[in-house]
Amino acid sequence: MSVFGDIISTSKPVLIVFYAGWHYLTDDVNTSIQQVADTLGEAVRVIKIDIDKNKELTKQLQINGIPTYMIFHRGELVWRTEALQPTDSLINALKPFIES
């Protein structure tokens, strides 16, 4: 969990999506988070975490559905939702935490 703590402890907002490669929505998740990364660029960090390869973290964060999206800002969880999200919703959720 210390590596995870290092990842989320930044002044940039961090969008993390928990997914599974076998899940039918994986391509849609990949497309939407790539669009977020392309749109917001260096202002945010976008990270994908495979639940099958990170079972302990998945359990600790109580990931019950996939995809699960989380936004961390300065190490704190500020937003979380389950189910596929459109790109615009993700961008709008991130914007309040982007420093100008």
PDB file of N, CA and C in Angstrom:
ATOM      1  N   MET A   1       0.827  -1.197   0.000  1.00  0.00           N
ATOM      2  CA  MET A   1       0.000   0.000   0.000  1.00  0.00           C
ATOM      3  C   MET A   1       0.871   1.260   0.000  1.00  0.00           C
ATOM      4  N   SER A   2       2.147   1.136   0.390  1.00  0.00           N
ATOM      5  CA  SER A   2       3.006   2.320   0.414  1.00  0.00           C
ATOM      6  C   SER A   2       3.254   2.860  -0.989  1.00  0.00           C
ATOM      7  N   VAL A   3       3.356   1.984  -1.981  1.00  0.00           N
ATOM      8  CA  VAL A   3       3.505   2.444  -3.362  1.00  0.00           C
ATOM      9  C   VAL A   3       2.251   3.197  -3.783  1.00  0.00           C
ATOM     10  N   PHE A   4       1.103   2.688  -3.406  1.00  0.00           N
ATOM     11  CA  PHE A   4      -0.153   3.362  -3.715  1.00  0.00           C
ATOM     12  C   PHE A   4      -0.172   4.734  -3.062  1.00  0.00           C
ATOM     13  N   GLY A   5       0.277   4.824  -1.822  1.00  0.00           N
ATOM     14  CA  GLY A   5       0.337   6.106  -1.132  1.00  0.00           C
ATOM     15  C   GLY A   5       1.220   7.102  -1.860  1.00  0.00           C
ATOM     16  N   ASP A   6       2.322   6.628  -2.400  1.00  0.00           N
ATOM     17  CA  ASP A   6       3.207   7.504  -3.178  1.00  0.00           C
ATOM     18  C   ASP A   6       2.519   7.999  -4.447  1.00  0.00           C
ATOM     19  N   ILE A   7       1.732   7.134  -5.069  1.00  0.00           N
ATOM     20  CA  ILE A   7       1.042   7.480  -6.312  1.00  0.00           C
ATOM     21  C   ILE A   7       0.013   8.588  -6.087  1.00  0.00           C
ATOM     22  N   ILE A   8      -0.726   8.490  -4.988  1.00  0.00           N
ATOM     23  CA  ILE A   8      -1.826   9.443  -4.768  1.00  0.00           C
ATOM     24  C   ILE A   8      -1.396  10.706  -4.034  1.00  0.00           C
ATOM     25  N   SER A   9      -0.201  10.721  -3.487  1.00  0.00           N
ATOM     26  CA  SER A   9       0.272  11.888  -2.723  1.00  0.00           C
ATOM     27  C   SER A   9       0.971  12.872  -3.646  1.00  0.00           C
ATOM     28  N   THR A  10       0.206  13.570  -4.403  1.00  0.00           N
ATOM     29  CA  THR A  10       0.719  14.547  -5.345  1.00  0.00           C
ATOM     30  C   THR A  10      -0.234  15.734  -5.373  1.00  0.00           C
ATOM     31  N   SER A  11       0.266  16.870  -5.802  1.00  0.00           N
ATOM     32  CA  SER A  11      -0.608  18.038  -5.881  1.00  0.00           C
ATOM     33  C   SER A  11      -1.562  17.963  -7.077  1.00  0.00           C
ATOM     34  N   LYS A  12      -1.213  17.123  -8.059  1.00  0.00           N
ATOM     35  CA  LYS A  12      -2.117  16.922  -9.195  1.00  0.00           C
ATOM     36  C   LYS A  12      -3.223  15.956  -8.788  1.00  0.00           C
ATOM     37  N   PRO A  13      -4.428  16.159  -9.288  1.00  0.00           N
ATOM     38  CA  PRO A  13      -5.454  15.141  -9.048  1.00  0.00           C
ATOM     39  C   PRO A  13      -5.076  13.853  -9.769  1.00  0.00           C
ATOM     40  N   VAL A  14      -5.410  12.737  -9.134  1.00  0.00           N
ATOM     41  CA  VAL A  14      -5.102  11.419  -9.677  1.00  0.00           C
ATOM     42  C   VAL A  14      -6.413  10.682  -9.911  1.00  0.00           C
ATOM     43  N   LEU A  15      -6.660  10.348 -11.176  1.00  0.00           N
ATOM     44  CA  LEU A  15      -7.823   9.527 -11.530  1.00  0.00           C
ATOM     45  C   LEU A  15      -7.348   8.088 -11.629  1.00  0.00           C
ATOM     46  N   ILE A  16      -7.947   7.231 -10.829  1.00  0.00           N
ATOM     47  CA  ILE A  16      -7.617   5.811 -10.862  1.00  0.00           C
ATOM     48  C   ILE A  16      -8.859   5.056 -11.261  1.00  0.00           C
ATOM     49  N   VAL A  17      -8.685   4.142 -12.193  1.00  0.00           N
ATOM     50  CA  VAL A  17      -9.793   3.268 -12.567  1.00  0.00           C
ATOM     51  C   VAL A  17      -9.375   1.830 -12.281  1.00  0.00           C
ATOM     52  N   PHE A  18     -10.221   1.138 -11.550  1.00  0.00           N
ATOM     53  CA  PHE A  18     -10.037  -0.281 -11.289  1.00  0.00           C
ATOM     54  C   PHE A  18     -10.847  -1.029 -12.336  1.00  0.00           C
ATOM     55  N   TYR A  19     -10.186  -1.959 -13.013  1.00  0.00           N
ATOM     56  CA  TYR A  19     -10.808  -2.660 -14.130  1.00  0.00           C
ATOM     57  C   TYR A  19     -10.339  -4.111 -14.134  1.00  0.00           C
ATOM     58  N   ALA A  20     -10.891  -4.891 -15.039  1.00  0.00           N
ATOM     59  CA  ALA A  20     -10.433  -6.258 -15.288  1.00  0.00           C
ATOM     60  C   ALA A  20     -10.358  -6.441 -16.799  1.00  0.00           C
ATOM     61  N   GLY A  21      -9.256  -6.987 -17.260  1.00  0.00           N
ATOM     62  CA  GLY A  21      -9.047  -7.161 -18.694  1.00  0.00           C
ATOM     63  C   GLY A  21     -10.105  -8.015 -19.373  1.00  0.00           C
ATOM     64  N   TRP A  22     -10.716  -8.915 -18.621  1.00  0.00           N
ATOM     65  CA  TRP A  22     -11.719  -9.818 -19.187  1.00  0.00           C
ATOM     66  C   TRP A  22     -13.121  -9.194 -19.225  1.00  0.00           C
ATOM     67  N   HIS A  23     -13.298  -8.061 -18.578  1.00  0.00           N
ATOM     68  CA  HIS A  23     -14.629  -7.459 -18.457  1.00  0.00           C
ATOM     69  C   HIS A  23     -15.087  -6.863 -19.790  1.00  0.00           C
ATOM     70  N   TYR A  24     -16.351  -6.986 -20.086  1.00  0.00           N
ATOM     71  CA  TYR A  24     -16.881  -6.535 -21.380  1.00  0.00           C
ATOM     72  C   TYR A  24     -16.783  -5.028 -21.593  1.00  0.00           C
ATOM     73  N   LEU A  25     -16.602  -4.242 -20.544  1.00  0.00           N
ATOM     74  CA  LEU A  25     -16.504  -2.784 -20.697  1.00  0.00           C
ATOM     75  C   LEU A  25     -15.057  -2.277 -20.785  1.00  0.00           C
ATOM     76  N   THR A  26     -14.088  -3.171 -20.783  1.00  0.00           N
ATOM     77  CA  THR A  26     -12.685  -2.758 -20.751  1.00  0.00           C
ATOM     78  C   THR A  26     -12.322  -1.821 -21.897  1.00  0.00           C
ATOM     79  N   ASP A  27     -12.758  -2.100 -23.104  1.00  0.00           N
ATOM     80  CA  ASP A  27     -12.433  -1.222 -24.240  1.00  0.00           C
ATOM     81  C   ASP A  27     -13.038   0.169 -24.058  1.00  0.00           C
ATOM     82  N   ASP A  28     -14.261   0.222 -23.548  1.00  0.00           N
ATOM     83  CA  ASP A  28     -14.908   1.513 -23.308  1.00  0.00           C
ATOM     84  C   ASP A  28     -14.182   2.292 -22.206  1.00  0.00           C
ATOM     85  N   VAL A  29     -13.763   1.604 -21.157  1.00  0.00           N
ATOM     86  CA  VAL A  29     -13.004   2.239 -20.076  1.00  0.00           C
ATOM     87  C   VAL A  29     -11.701   2.808 -20.630  1.00  0.00           C
ATOM     88  N   ASN A  30     -10.991   1.994 -21.389  1.00  0.00           N
ATOM     89  CA  ASN A  30      -9.717   2.441 -21.966  1.00  0.00           C
ATOM     90  C   ASN A  30      -9.898   3.681 -22.834  1.00  0.00           C
ATOM     91  N   THR A  31     -10.935   3.689 -23.638  1.00  0.00           N
ATOM     92  CA  THR A  31     -11.197   4.827 -24.514  1.00  0.00           C
ATOM     93  C   THR A  31     -11.482   6.085 -23.709  1.00  0.00           C
ATOM     94  N   SER A  32     -12.339   5.986 -22.703  1.00  0.00           N
ATOM     95  CA  SER A  32     -12.718   7.177 -21.950  1.00  0.00           C
ATOM     96  C   SER A  32     -11.547   7.730 -21.142  1.00  0.00           C
ATOM     97  N   ILE A  33     -10.757   6.873 -20.513  1.00  0.00           N
ATOM     98  CA  ILE A  33      -9.654   7.429 -19.722  1.00  0.00           C
ATOM     99  C   ILE A  33      -8.528   7.956 -20.605  1.00  0.00           C
ATOM    100  N   GLN A  34      -8.379   7.390 -21.796  1.00  0.00           N
ATOM    101  CA  GLN A  34      -7.390   7.952 -22.726  1.00  0.00           C
ATOM    102  C   GLN A  34      -7.825   9.341 -23.179  1.00  0.00           C
ATOM    103  N   GLN A  35      -9.123   9.503 -23.399  1.00  0.00           N
ATOM    104  CA  GLN A  35      -9.639  10.817 -23.776  1.00  0.00           C
ATOM    105  C   GLN A  35      -9.461  11.829 -22.639  1.00  0.00           C
ATOM    106  N   VAL A  36      -9.631  11.385 -21.404  1.00  0.00           N
ATOM    107  CA  VAL A  36      -9.392  12.262 -20.256  1.00  0.00           C
ATOM    108  C   VAL A  36      -7.928  12.688 -20.237  1.00  0.00           C
ATOM    109  N   ALA A  37      -7.036  11.722 -20.383  1.00  0.00           N
ATOM    110  CA  ALA A  37      -5.595  12.018 -20.374  1.00  0.00           C
ATOM    111  C   ALA A  37      -5.219  12.953 -21.518  1.00  0.00           C
ATOM    112  N   ASP A  38      -5.781  12.718 -22.695  1.00  0.00           N
ATOM    113  CA  ASP A  38      -5.479  13.572 -23.851  1.00  0.00           C
ATOM    114  C   ASP A  38      -6.006  14.991 -23.647  1.00  0.00           C
ATOM    115  N   THR A  39      -7.180  15.107 -23.049  1.00  0.00           N
ATOM    116  CA  THR A  39      -7.807  16.419 -22.857  1.00  0.00           C
ATOM    117  C   THR A  39      -7.120  17.229 -21.757  1.00  0.00           C
ATOM    118  N   LEU A  40      -6.815  16.589 -20.636  1.00  0.00           N
ATOM    119  CA  LEU A  40      -6.290  17.317 -19.483  1.00  0.00           C
ATOM    120  C   LEU A  40      -4.762  17.293 -19.390  1.00  0.00           C
ATOM    121  N   GLY A  41      -4.147  16.422 -20.147  1.00  0.00           N
ATOM    122  CA  GLY A  41      -2.691  16.390 -20.242  1.00  0.00           C
ATOM    123  C   GLY A  41      -1.981  16.268 -18.906  1.00  0.00           C
ATOM    124  N   GLU A  42      -0.959  17.107 -18.734  1.00  0.00           N
ATOM    125  CA  GLU A  42      -0.094  17.054 -17.558  1.00  0.00           C
ATOM    126  C   GLU A  42      -0.773  17.550 -16.279  1.00  0.00           C
ATOM    127  N   ALA A  43      -1.974  18.066 -16.380  1.00  0.00           N
ATOM    128  CA  ALA A  43      -2.668  18.595 -15.205  1.00  0.00           C
ATOM    129  C   ALA A  43      -3.155  17.489 -14.268  1.00  0.00           C
ATOM    130  N   VAL A  44      -3.248  16.260 -14.781  1.00  0.00           N
ATOM    131  CA  VAL A  44      -3.737  15.136 -13.987  1.00  0.00           C
ATOM    132  C   VAL A  44      -2.861  13.908 -14.221  1.00  0.00           C
ATOM    133  N   ARG A  45      -2.982  12.962 -13.307  1.00  0.00           N
ATOM    134  CA  ARG A  45      -2.412  11.627 -13.511  1.00  0.00           C
ATOM    135  C   ARG A  45      -3.584  10.684 -13.713  1.00  0.00           C
ATOM    136  N   VAL A  46      -3.470   9.807 -14.692  1.00  0.00           N
ATOM    137  CA  VAL A  46      -4.502   8.811 -14.960  1.00  0.00           C
ATOM    138  C   VAL A  46      -3.849   7.440 -14.850  1.00  0.00           C
ATOM    139  N   ILE A  47      -4.420   6.605 -14.000  1.00  0.00           N
ATOM    140  CA  ILE A  47      -3.823   5.298 -13.714  1.00  0.00           C
ATOM    141  C   ILE A  47      -4.899   4.231 -13.793  1.00  0.00           C
ATOM    142  N   LYS A  48      -4.545   3.118 -14.440  1.00  0.00           N
ATOM    143  CA  LYS A  48      -5.419   1.947 -14.489  1.00  0.00           C
ATOM    144  C   LYS A  48      -4.837   0.891 -13.560  1.00  0.00           C
ATOM    145  N   ILE A  49      -5.705   0.248 -12.781  1.00  0.00           N
ATOM    146  CA  ILE A  49      -5.266  -0.826 -11.898  1.00  0.00           C
ATOM    147  C   ILE A  49      -6.118  -2.053 -12.171  1.00  0.00           C
ATOM    148  N   ASP A  50      -5.466  -3.129 -12.556  1.00  0.00           N
ATOM    149  CA  ASP A  50      -6.122  -4.402 -12.848  1.00  0.00           C
ATOM    150  C   ASP A  50      -6.434  -5.092 -11.523  1.00  0.00           C
ATOM    151  N   ILE A  51      -7.710  -5.346 -11.263  1.00  0.00           N
ATOM    152  CA  ILE A  51      -8.101  -5.947  -9.990  1.00  0.00           C
ATOM    153  C   ILE A  51      -7.537  -7.355  -9.818  1.00  0.00           C
ATOM    154  N   ASP A  52      -7.334  -8.068 -10.908  1.00  0.00           N
ATOM    155  CA  ASP A  52      -6.817  -9.429 -10.814  1.00  0.00           C
ATOM    156  C   ASP A  52      -5.337  -9.457 -10.442  1.00  0.00           C
ATOM    157  N   LYS A  53      -4.619  -8.395 -10.738  1.00  0.00           N
ATOM    158  CA  LYS A  53      -3.193  -8.322 -10.425  1.00  0.00           C
ATOM    159  C   LYS A  53      -2.925  -7.560  -9.131  1.00  0.00           C
ATOM    160  N   ASN A  54      -3.957  -6.990  -8.539  1.00  0.00           N
ATOM    161  CA  ASN A  54      -3.819  -6.175  -7.331  1.00  0.00           C
ATOM    162  C   ASN A  54      -4.921  -6.506  -6.331  1.00  0.00           C
ATOM    163  N   LYS A  55      -5.012  -7.780  -5.982  1.00  0.00           N
ATOM    164  CA  LYS A  55      -6.122  -8.249  -5.149  1.00  0.00           C
ATOM    165  C   LYS A  55      -6.113  -7.650  -3.744  1.00  0.00           C
ATOM    166  N   GLU A  56      -4.931  -7.488  -3.154  1.00  0.00           N
ATOM    167  CA  GLU A  56      -4.869  -6.940  -1.801  1.00  0.00           C
ATOM    168  C   GLU A  56      -5.348  -5.491  -1.785  1.00  0.00           C
ATOM    169  N   LEU A  57      -4.863  -4.690  -2.719  1.00  0.00           N
ATOM    170  CA  LEU A  57      -5.286  -3.289  -2.804  1.00  0.00           C
ATOM    171  C   LEU A  57      -6.785  -3.202  -3.079  1.00  0.00           C
ATOM    172  N   THR A  58      -7.261  -4.037  -3.984  1.00  0.00           N
ATOM    173  CA  THR A  58      -8.681  -4.069  -4.324  1.00  0.00           C
ATOM    174  C   THR A  58      -9.525  -4.360  -3.088  1.00  0.00           C
ATOM    175  N   LYS A  59      -9.058  -5.288  -2.278  1.00  0.00           N
ATOM    176  CA  LYS A  59      -9.785  -5.629  -1.052  1.00  0.00           C
ATOM    177  C   LYS A  59      -9.738  -4.478  -0.057  1.00  0.00           C
ATOM    178  N   GLN A  60      -8.557  -3.881   0.134  1.00  0.00           N
ATOM    179  CA  GLN A  60      -8.415  -2.794   1.099  1.00  0.00           C
ATOM    180  C   GLN A  60      -9.277  -1.586   0.735  1.00  0.00           C
ATOM    181  N   LEU A  61      -9.421  -1.329  -0.550  1.00  0.00           N
ATOM    182  CA  LEU A  61     -10.217  -0.178  -0.996  1.00  0.00           C
ATOM    183  C   LEU A  61     -11.677  -0.533  -1.247  1.00  0.00           C
ATOM    184  N   GLN A  62     -12.037  -1.757  -0.934  1.00  0.00           N
ATOM    185  CA  GLN A  62     -13.411  -2.240  -1.045  1.00  0.00           C
ATOM    186  C   GLN A  62     -13.986  -2.015  -2.440  1.00  0.00           C
ATOM    187  N   ILE A  63     -13.241  -2.476  -3.433  1.00  0.00           N
ATOM    188  CA  ILE A  63     -13.702  -2.410  -4.813  1.00  0.00           C
ATOM    189  C   ILE A  63     -14.656  -3.576  -5.030  1.00  0.00           C
ATOM    190  N   ASN A  64     -15.917  -3.264  -5.230  1.00  0.00           N
ATOM    191  CA  ASN A  64     -16.936  -4.298  -5.374  1.00  0.00           C
ATOM    192  C   ASN A  64     -17.480  -4.407  -6.786  1.00  0.00           C
ATOM    193  N   GLY A  65     -17.324  -3.374  -7.580  1.00  0.00           N
ATOM    194  CA  GLY A  65     -17.827  -3.391  -8.947  1.00  0.00           C
ATOM    195  C   GLY A  65     -16.777  -2.832  -9.882  1.00  0.00           C
ATOM    196  N   ILE A  66     -16.844  -3.269 -11.113  1.00  0.00           N
ATOM    197  CA  ILE A  66     -15.912  -2.727 -12.105  1.00  0.00           C
ATOM    198  C   ILE A  66     -16.695  -2.227 -13.301  1.00  0.00           C
ATOM    199  N   PRO A  67     -16.236  -1.131 -13.839  1.00  0.00           N
ATOM    200  CA  PRO A  67     -15.121  -0.322 -13.356  1.00  0.00           C
ATOM    201  C   PRO A  67     -15.499   0.496 -12.129  1.00  0.00           C
ATOM    202  N   THR A  68     -14.501   0.773 -11.302  1.00  0.00           N
ATOM    203  CA  THR A  68     -14.632   1.722 -10.199  1.00  0.00           C
ATOM    204  C   THR A  68     -13.637   2.836 -10.449  1.00  0.00           C
ATOM    205  N   TYR A  69     -14.113   4.056 -10.384  1.00  0.00           N
ATOM    206  CA  TYR A  69     -13.269   5.234 -10.583  1.00  0.00           C
ATOM    207  C   TYR A  69     -13.086   5.937  -9.243  1.00  0.00           C
ATOM    208  N   MET A  70     -11.868   6.408  -9.002  1.00  0.00           N
ATOM    209  CA  MET A  70     -11.575   7.190  -7.810  1.00  0.00           C
ATOM    210  C   MET A  70     -10.732   8.384  -8.217  1.00  0.00           C
ATOM    211  N   ILE A  71     -10.991   9.500  -7.563  1.00  0.00           N
ATOM    212  CA  ILE A  71     -10.128  10.669  -7.731  1.00  0.00           C
ATOM    213  C   ILE A  71      -9.535  10.981  -6.367  1.00  0.00           C
ATOM    214  N   PHE A  72      -8.210  11.064  -6.346  1.00  0.00           N
ATOM    215  CA  PHE A  72      -7.479  11.457  -5.148  1.00  0.00           C
ATOM    216  C   PHE A  72      -6.852  12.816  -5.413  1.00  0.00           C
ATOM    217  N   HIS A  73      -6.858  13.650  -4.385  1.00  0.00           N
ATOM    218  CA  HIS A  73      -6.201  14.953  -4.475  1.00  0.00           C
ATOM    219  C   HIS A  73      -5.424  15.164  -3.185  1.00  0.00           C
ATOM    220  N   ARG A  74      -4.125  15.355  -3.337  1.00  0.00           N
ATOM    221  CA  ARG A  74      -3.230  15.536  -2.184  1.00  0.00           C
ATOM    222  C   ARG A  74      -3.359  14.376  -1.191  1.00  0.00           C
ATOM    223  N   GLY A  75      -3.495  13.169  -1.733  1.00  0.00           N
ATOM    224  CA  GLY A  75      -3.541  11.971  -0.909  1.00  0.00           C
ATOM    225  C   GLY A  75      -4.895  11.605  -0.349  1.00  0.00           C
ATOM    226  N   GLU A  76      -5.896  12.436  -0.589  1.00  0.00           N
ATOM    227  CA  GLU A  76      -7.237  12.194  -0.045  1.00  0.00           C
ATOM    228  C   GLU A  76      -8.209  11.778  -1.144  1.00  0.00           C
ATOM    229  N   LEU A  77      -9.048  10.813  -0.837  1.00  0.00           N
ATOM    230  CA  LEU A  77     -10.107  10.420  -1.754  1.00  0.00           C
ATOM    231  C   LEU A  77     -11.150  11.530  -1.777  1.00  0.00           C
ATOM    232  N   VAL A  78     -11.418  12.088  -2.966  1.00  0.00           N
ATOM    233  CA  VAL A  78     -12.378  13.191  -3.084  1.00  0.00           C
ATOM    234  C   VAL A  78     -13.586  12.836  -3.949  1.00  0.00           C
ATOM    235  N   TRP A  79     -13.509  11.710  -4.643  1.00  0.00           N
ATOM    236  CA  TRP A  79     -14.618  11.328  -5.531  1.00  0.00           C
ATOM    237  C   TRP A  79     -14.493   9.847  -5.841  1.00  0.00           C
ATOM    238  N   ARG A  80     -15.613   9.162  -5.878  1.00  0.00           N
ATOM    239  CA  ARG A  80     -15.608   7.730  -6.186  1.00  0.00           C
ATOM    240  C   ARG A  80     -16.951   7.352  -6.796  1.00  0.00           C
ATOM    241  N   THR A  81     -16.905   6.492  -7.797  1.00  0.00           N
ATOM    242  CA  THR A  81     -18.137   5.977  -8.381  1.00  0.00           C
ATOM    243  C   THR A  81     -17.856   4.636  -9.053  1.00  0.00           C
ATOM    244  N   GLU A  82     -18.894   3.840  -9.141  1.00  0.00           N
ATOM    245  CA  GLU A  82     -18.824   2.579  -9.863  1.00  0.00           C
ATOM    246  C   GLU A  82     -19.681   2.690 -11.111  1.00  0.00           C
ATOM    247  N   ALA A  83     -19.344   1.923 -12.101  1.00  0.00           N
ATOM    248  CA  ALA A  83     -20.046   1.861 -13.391  1.00  0.00           C
ATOM    249  C   ALA A  83     -19.344   2.771 -14.393  1.00  0.00           C
ATOM    250  N   LEU A  84     -19.477   2.419 -15.633  1.00  0.00           N
ATOM    251  CA  LEU A  84     -18.836   3.158 -16.717  1.00  0.00           C
ATOM    252  C   LEU A  84     -19.271   4.614 -16.707  1.00  0.00           C
ATOM    253  N   GLN A  85     -18.302   5.514 -16.834  1.00  0.00           N
ATOM    254  CA  GLN A  85     -18.567   6.953 -16.830  1.00  0.00           C
ATOM    255  C   GLN A  85     -18.176   7.551 -18.170  1.00  0.00           C
ATOM    256  N   PRO A  86     -18.979   8.455 -18.693  1.00  0.00           N
ATOM    257  CA  PRO A  86     -18.587   9.136 -19.927  1.00  0.00           C
ATOM    258  C   PRO A  86     -17.401  10.057 -19.658  1.00  0.00           C
ATOM    259  N   THR A  87     -16.639  10.299 -20.691  1.00  0.00           N
ATOM    260  CA  THR A  87     -15.450  11.140 -20.594  1.00  0.00           C
ATOM    261  C   THR A  87     -15.770  12.490 -19.973  1.00  0.00           C
ATOM    262  N   ASP A  88     -16.836  13.131 -20.408  1.00  0.00           N
ATOM    263  CA  ASP A  88     -17.195  14.458 -19.892  1.00  0.00           C
ATOM    264  C   ASP A  88     -17.435  14.438 -18.389  1.00  0.00           C
ATOM    265  N   SER A  89     -18.051  13.389 -17.881  1.00  0.00           N
ATOM    266  CA  SER A  89     -18.293  13.291 -16.437  1.00  0.00           C
ATOM    267  C   SER A  89     -16.987  13.186 -15.668  1.00  0.00           C
ATOM    268  N   LEU A  90     -16.049  12.419 -16.195  1.00  0.00           N
ATOM    269  CA  LEU A  90     -14.748  12.277 -15.542  1.00  0.00           C
ATOM    270  C   LEU A  90     -13.991  13.606 -15.551  1.00  0.00           C
ATOM    271  N   ILE A  91     -14.008  14.272 -16.676  1.00  0.00           N
ATOM    272  CA  ILE A  91     -13.327  15.574 -16.778  1.00  0.00           C
ATOM    273  C   ILE A  91     -13.946  16.581 -15.816  1.00  0.00           C
ATOM    274  N   ASN A  92     -15.271  16.629 -15.768  1.00  0.00           N
ATOM    275  CA  ASN A  92     -15.953  17.562 -14.857  1.00  0.00           C
ATOM    276  C   ASN A  92     -15.671  17.240 -13.395  1.00  0.00           C
ATOM    277  N   ALA A  93     -15.514  15.962 -13.073  1.00  0.00           N
ATOM    278  CA  ALA A  93     -15.187  15.586 -11.701  1.00  0.00           C
ATOM    279  C   ALA A  93     -13.765  15.990 -11.324  1.00  0.00           C
ATOM    280  N   LEU A  94     -12.870  15.994 -12.292  1.00  0.00           N
ATOM    281  CA  LEU A  94     -11.468  16.360 -12.056  1.00  0.00           C
ATOM    282  C   LEU A  94     -11.218  17.857 -11.997  1.00  0.00           C
ATOM    283  N   LYS A  95     -11.963  18.617 -12.763  1.00  0.00           N
ATOM    284  CA  LYS A  95     -11.692  20.055 -12.917  1.00  0.00           C
ATOM    285  C   LYS A  95     -11.579  20.845 -11.616  1.00  0.00           C
ATOM    286  N   PRO A  96     -12.414  20.609 -10.615  1.00  0.00           N
ATOM    287  CA  PRO A  96     -12.289  21.405  -9.392  1.00  0.00           C
ATOM    288  C   PRO A  96     -10.946  21.223  -8.668  1.00  0.00           C
ATOM    289  N   PHE A  97     -10.224  20.159  -8.975  1.00  0.00           N
ATOM    290  CA  PHE A  97      -8.985  19.849  -8.273  1.00  0.00           C
ATOM    291  C   PHE A  97      -7.736  20.210  -9.079  1.00  0.00           C
ATOM    292  N   ILE A  98      -7.942  20.719 -10.286  1.00  0.00           N
ATOM    293  CA  ILE A  98      -6.800  21.117 -11.114  1.00  0.00           C
ATOM    294  C   ILE A  98      -6.404  22.529 -10.732  1.00  0.00           C
ATOM    295  N   GLU A  99      -5.131  22.674 -10.379  1.00  0.00           N
ATOM    296  CA  GLU A  99      -4.626  23.986  -9.984  1.00  0.00           C
ATOM    297  C   GLU A  99      -4.283  24.786 -11.225  1.00  0.00           C
ATOM    298  N   SER A 100      -4.671  26.055 -11.204  1.00  0.00           N
ATOM    299  CA  SER A 100      -4.409  26.895 -12.372  1.00  0.00           C
ATOM    300  C   SER A 100      -3.141  27.693 -12.195  1.00  0.00           C
TER     301      SER A 100
END
